[in-house]
Amino acid sequence: MLKIPLFNKKKTNEELKVIRFVLAEFGYKPQKASYFIQALTHKSSLNDHEQLAANERLEFLGDSILDAVVASFVYDKYPEIDEGQLTKIKSRIVNRKSLSAIGERMGIRKHLIYSQGRSINLAGLEGNAFEALIGAIYLDGGFDKTQSVLKNTVFRKHLNLNKLLEEELDFKSALFIWCQRKKLALEFILSDEQFIEGKAVYQMTVQINRTAYGKGKGHSKKEAEQAAAKETLALMGEI
């Protein structure tokens, strides 16, 4: 029996508009446009019995995917940073303010489907829709593709990691990252230890490729290391 080939149904203007937007901002070409239209649909535009067609379920999914990808990203990028600092960096990337800012830079609000007759925080909607779009990419293309989109397009275009690190990291961690980026060997050397009025005072010296740089004092070695790292970063013109 001769089989008649099935032709793809012609895409609507709405579908084409969404496909172009996702391709431009995420570097990803949607296969199933309906996922992405749903990701941009806020519940305010739907009747009560249509609520499952809103983007909240995709937002939930995208939030989980984004969290996993960001955790992997910062873990690989900063091998010298401890768990506490990694958590701070991850939290800064995936918090509501950061996601809303990314959504705003992408111009997501121009594509949102919502009731304009209600008082709605559009910045919040953009952040939620951004997560929903990540969920849509995951359903449409799988985890590996979503991870690639985030790392190679979204993070590069919309994350200023250097600024974020300056705000979140202590001086020692920031110096570790600076040396790692330039492939330099870093050591903290105890150069002096005294007891003044019954209290220990430590002096630490930073050595980079066995050359001494900043020095710092403190009542603990950790405090002295921070001071030495700060002075070194200042000498390098990093702060």
Protein backbone atom coordinates (compact mmCIF):
# COMPACT_ATOMS: atom_id res chain seq x y z
CA MET A 1 0.00 0.00 0.00
CA LEU A 2 1.38 3.37 -1.01
CA LYS A 3 1.87 5.66 1.99
CA ILE A 4 1.21 9.31 1.49
CA PRO A 5 3.97 11.40 3.12
CA LEU A 6 2.88 13.63 5.95
CA PHE A 7 3.78 17.28 5.59
CA ASN A 8 4.42 19.51 8.55
CA LYS A 9 1.55 21.81 9.29
CA LYS A 10 2.33 25.39 8.43
CA LYS A 11 3.35 27.33 11.53
CA THR A 12 1.22 30.23 12.71
CA ASN A 13 2.57 33.76 13.04
CA GLU A 14 2.54 33.34 16.82
CA GLU A 15 4.64 30.18 16.58
CA LEU A 16 7.10 31.78 14.17
CA LYS A 17 7.50 34.82 16.42
CA VAL A 18 8.26 32.66 19.45
CA ILE A 19 10.69 30.45 17.49
CA ARG A 20 12.61 33.52 16.30
CA PHE A 21 12.77 34.91 19.83
CA VAL A 22 14.06 31.66 21.37
CA LEU A 23 16.59 31.22 18.58
CA ALA A 24 17.88 34.78 19.00
CA GLU A 25 18.13 34.80 22.81
CA PHE A 26 18.90 31.17 23.64
CA GLY A 27 20.60 30.00 20.46
CA TYR A 28 18.11 27.15 20.30
CA LYS A 29 15.63 26.33 17.53
CA PRO A 30 12.39 24.92 19.01
CA GLN A 31 11.00 21.74 17.50
CA LYS A 32 7.64 21.94 19.26
CA ALA A 33 6.59 25.58 19.50
CA SER A 34 3.68 24.80 21.81
CA TYR A 35 6.07 24.19 24.74
CA PHE A 36 7.47 27.70 24.33
CA ILE A 37 4.11 29.38 23.89
CA GLN A 38 3.00 27.75 27.13
CA ALA A 39 6.22 28.90 28.82
CA LEU A 40 5.27 32.49 28.00
CA THR A 41 1.63 32.14 29.09
CA HIS A 42 0.74 33.56 32.50
CA LYS A 43 -2.29 32.21 34.33
CA SER A 44 -3.92 35.66 34.34
CA SER A 45 -4.70 35.22 30.64
CA LEU A 46 -6.60 31.95 31.19
CA ASN A 47 -9.95 30.88 32.60
CA ASP A 48 -10.07 28.85 35.81
CA HIS A 49 -10.47 25.54 33.97
CA GLU A 50 -7.47 26.35 31.72
CA GLN A 51 -4.90 26.94 34.47
CA LEU A 52 -2.82 23.85 33.67
CA ALA A 53 -2.07 25.45 30.30
CA ALA A 54 -0.18 28.26 32.09
CA ASN A 55 3.58 28.26 32.55
CA GLU A 56 3.74 27.33 36.24
CA ARG A 57 4.46 23.63 35.73
CA LEU A 58 7.19 24.45 33.20
CA GLU A 59 8.56 27.03 35.64
CA PHE A 60 8.81 24.33 38.31
CA LEU A 61 10.67 22.05 35.88
CA GLY A 62 12.96 24.79 34.61
CA ASP A 63 13.86 25.83 38.16
CA SER A 64 15.12 22.31 38.92
CA ILE A 65 17.04 22.01 35.65
CA LEU A 66 18.60 25.46 36.07
CA ASP A 67 19.68 24.65 39.63
CA ALA A 68 21.44 21.45 38.50
CA VAL A 69 23.19 23.11 35.53
CA VAL A 70 24.37 26.10 37.58
CA ALA A 71 25.68 23.82 40.35
CA SER A 72 27.68 21.82 37.79
CA PHE A 73 28.87 25.01 36.10
CA VAL A 74 30.29 26.70 39.22
CA TYR A 75 31.71 23.40 40.51
CA ASP A 76 33.72 22.92 37.31
CA LYS A 77 34.69 26.58 36.89
CA TYR A 78 35.98 27.16 40.43
CA PRO A 79 37.78 24.03 41.72
CA GLU A 80 39.56 25.97 44.49
CA ILE A 81 36.37 27.27 46.15
CA ASP A 82 34.77 25.50 49.10
CA GLU A 83 31.15 24.36 49.34
CA GLY A 84 30.00 27.45 51.23
CA GLN A 85 31.29 29.86 48.61
CA LEU A 86 29.98 27.70 45.76
CA THR A 87 26.54 27.85 47.37
CA LYS A 88 26.72 31.65 47.58
CA ILE A 89 27.68 31.96 43.92
CA LYS A 90 24.95 29.57 42.80
CA SER A 91 22.37 31.40 44.88
CA ARG A 92 23.33 34.73 43.32
CA ILE A 93 22.91 33.29 39.82
CA VAL A 94 19.53 31.61 40.37
CA ASN A 95 17.88 34.05 42.77
CA ARG A 96 14.71 35.85 41.73
CA LYS A 97 16.40 39.23 41.21
CA SER A 98 19.06 37.76 38.91
CA LEU A 99 16.59 35.74 36.85
CA SER A 100 14.27 38.73 36.48
CA ALA A 101 17.23 40.82 35.28
CA ILE A 102 18.13 38.18 32.68
CA GLY A 103 14.50 38.03 31.56
CA GLU A 104 14.41 41.80 31.21
CA ARG A 105 17.62 41.91 29.16
CA MET A 106 16.19 39.24 26.87
CA GLY A 107 13.02 41.27 26.38
CA ILE A 108 10.77 38.44 27.51
CA ARG A 109 7.95 40.84 28.44
CA LYS A 110 7.41 41.65 24.76
CA HIS A 111 6.43 38.01 24.25
CA LEU A 112 4.48 37.38 27.48
CA ILE A 113 0.84 36.36 27.24
CA TYR A 114 -0.95 37.84 30.26
CA SER A 115 -3.96 39.90 31.25
CA GLN A 116 -2.96 43.53 30.85
CA GLY A 117 -6.03 44.60 32.76
CA ARG A 118 -4.50 43.44 36.04
CA SER A 119 -1.78 44.99 38.17
CA ILE A 120 1.11 42.57 37.65
CA ASN A 121 4.83 42.76 38.46
CA LEU A 122 6.25 42.28 34.96
CA ALA A 123 9.82 41.84 36.20
CA GLY A 124 8.65 38.89 38.30
CA LEU A 125 6.76 37.46 35.35
CA GLU A 126 9.89 37.68 33.21
CA GLY A 127 11.96 35.74 35.74
CA ASN A 128 9.29 33.06 36.01
CA ALA A 129 8.93 32.85 32.24
CA PHE A 130 12.70 32.52 31.88
CA GLU A 131 12.63 29.43 34.10
CA ALA A 132 9.62 28.11 32.18
CA LEU A 133 11.52 28.55 28.91
CA ILE A 134 14.38 26.48 30.35
CA GLY A 135 11.79 23.81 31.16
CA ALA A 136 10.49 24.03 27.59
CA ILE A 137 13.98 23.59 26.12
CA TYR A 138 14.48 20.55 28.37
CA LEU A 139 11.24 18.92 27.17
CA ASP A 140 11.96 19.84 23.56
CA GLY A 141 15.66 18.95 23.37
CA GLY A 142 16.74 17.07 26.50
CA PHE A 143 19.11 17.79 29.38
CA ASP A 144 22.39 17.89 27.43
CA LYS A 145 21.01 20.43 24.98
CA THR A 146 19.60 22.57 27.80
CA GLN A 147 22.94 22.52 29.60
CA SER A 148 24.73 23.54 26.40
CA VAL A 149 22.27 26.39 25.79
CA LEU A 150 22.75 27.74 29.30
CA LYS A 151 26.53 27.44 29.43
CA ASN A 152 27.36 28.51 25.88
CA THR A 153 24.72 31.18 25.27
CA VAL A 154 22.79 32.40 28.30
CA PHE A 155 25.66 32.55 30.82
CA ARG A 156 28.06 34.11 28.32
CA LYS A 157 25.59 36.78 27.24
CA HIS A 158 23.91 37.61 30.53
CA LEU A 159 26.21 36.77 33.46
CA ASN A 160 29.02 39.05 34.62
CA LEU A 161 30.83 36.45 36.71
CA ASN A 162 33.76 38.71 37.59
CA LYS A 163 31.42 41.28 39.14
CA LEU A 164 29.46 38.58 40.93
CA LEU A 165 32.66 37.11 42.40
CA GLU A 166 33.80 40.52 43.63
CA GLU A 167 30.51 40.87 45.50
CA GLU A 168 30.38 37.35 46.95
CA LEU A 169 33.86 35.97 47.50
CA ASP A 170 36.35 36.63 50.25
CA PHE A 171 39.77 37.95 49.22
CA LYS A 172 41.55 34.59 49.55
CA SER A 173 39.05 32.84 47.28
CA ALA A 174 39.17 35.71 44.79
CA LEU A 175 42.98 35.46 44.69
CA PHE A 176 42.80 31.70 44.17
CA ILE A 177 40.53 32.25 41.15
CA TRP A 178 42.77 35.00 39.76
CA CYS A 179 45.84 32.74 39.99
CA GLN A 180 43.95 29.77 38.59
CA ARG A 181 42.81 31.83 35.59
CA LYS A 182 46.42 32.85 34.88
CA LYS A 183 47.84 29.38 35.70
CA LEU A 184 50.00 30.68 38.56
CA ALA A 185 51.06 28.75 41.68
CA LEU A 186 49.73 30.31 44.89
CA GLU A 187 50.92 29.71 48.46
CA PHE A 188 50.27 31.33 51.84
CA ILE A 189 53.41 31.26 54.00
CA LEU A 190 53.49 31.86 57.75
CA SER A 191 56.26 34.50 57.92
CA ASP A 192 55.98 35.59 61.56
CA GLU A 193 54.22 34.61 64.78
CA GLN A 194 54.24 36.67 67.96
CA PHE A 195 52.41 36.82 71.25
CA ILE A 196 51.49 40.36 72.23
CA GLU A 197 49.77 40.89 75.59
CA GLY A 198 48.91 37.21 75.69
CA LYS A 199 47.36 37.17 72.22
CA ALA A 200 48.81 35.50 69.15
CA VAL A 201 49.49 37.68 66.13
CA TYR A 202 50.24 35.91 62.85
CA GLN A 203 51.79 37.34 59.72
CA MET A 204 51.13 35.57 56.41
CA THR A 205 52.88 36.28 53.12
CA VAL A 206 51.45 35.50 49.71
CA GLN A 207 53.80 33.79 47.29
CA ILE A 208 52.90 33.58 43.61
CA ASN A 209 55.24 31.42 41.55
CA ARG A 210 57.58 31.55 44.60
CA THR A 211 57.72 35.36 44.55
CA ALA A 212 56.52 37.21 47.65
CA TYR A 213 53.71 39.72 47.26
CA GLY A 214 51.23 40.93 49.86
CA LYS A 215 51.56 40.52 53.62
CA GLY A 216 48.87 40.55 56.27
CA LYS A 217 48.51 40.27 60.03
CA GLY A 218 45.71 38.90 62.19
CA HIS A 219 44.87 37.15 65.43
CA SER A 220 44.25 33.97 63.45
CA LYS A 221 46.00 32.53 60.41
CA LYS A 222 42.76 32.82 58.44
CA GLU A 223 42.44 36.52 59.26
CA ALA A 224 46.08 37.09 58.28
CA GLU A 225 45.58 35.22 55.00
CA GLN A 226 42.61 37.42 54.14
CA ALA A 227 44.66 40.55 54.80
CA ALA A 228 47.58 39.25 52.72
CA ALA A 229 45.27 38.25 49.87
CA LYS A 230 43.61 41.68 49.92
CA GLU A 231 46.97 43.45 49.73
CA THR A 232 48.07 41.16 46.88
CA LEU A 233 44.90 41.81 44.88
CA ALA A 234 45.45 45.54 45.38
CA LEU A 235 49.05 45.22 44.16
CA MET A 236 47.78 43.39 41.08
CA GLY A 237 45.22 46.12 40.40
CA GLU A 238 42.31 43.72 40.93
CA ILE A 239 40.66 45.80 43.68
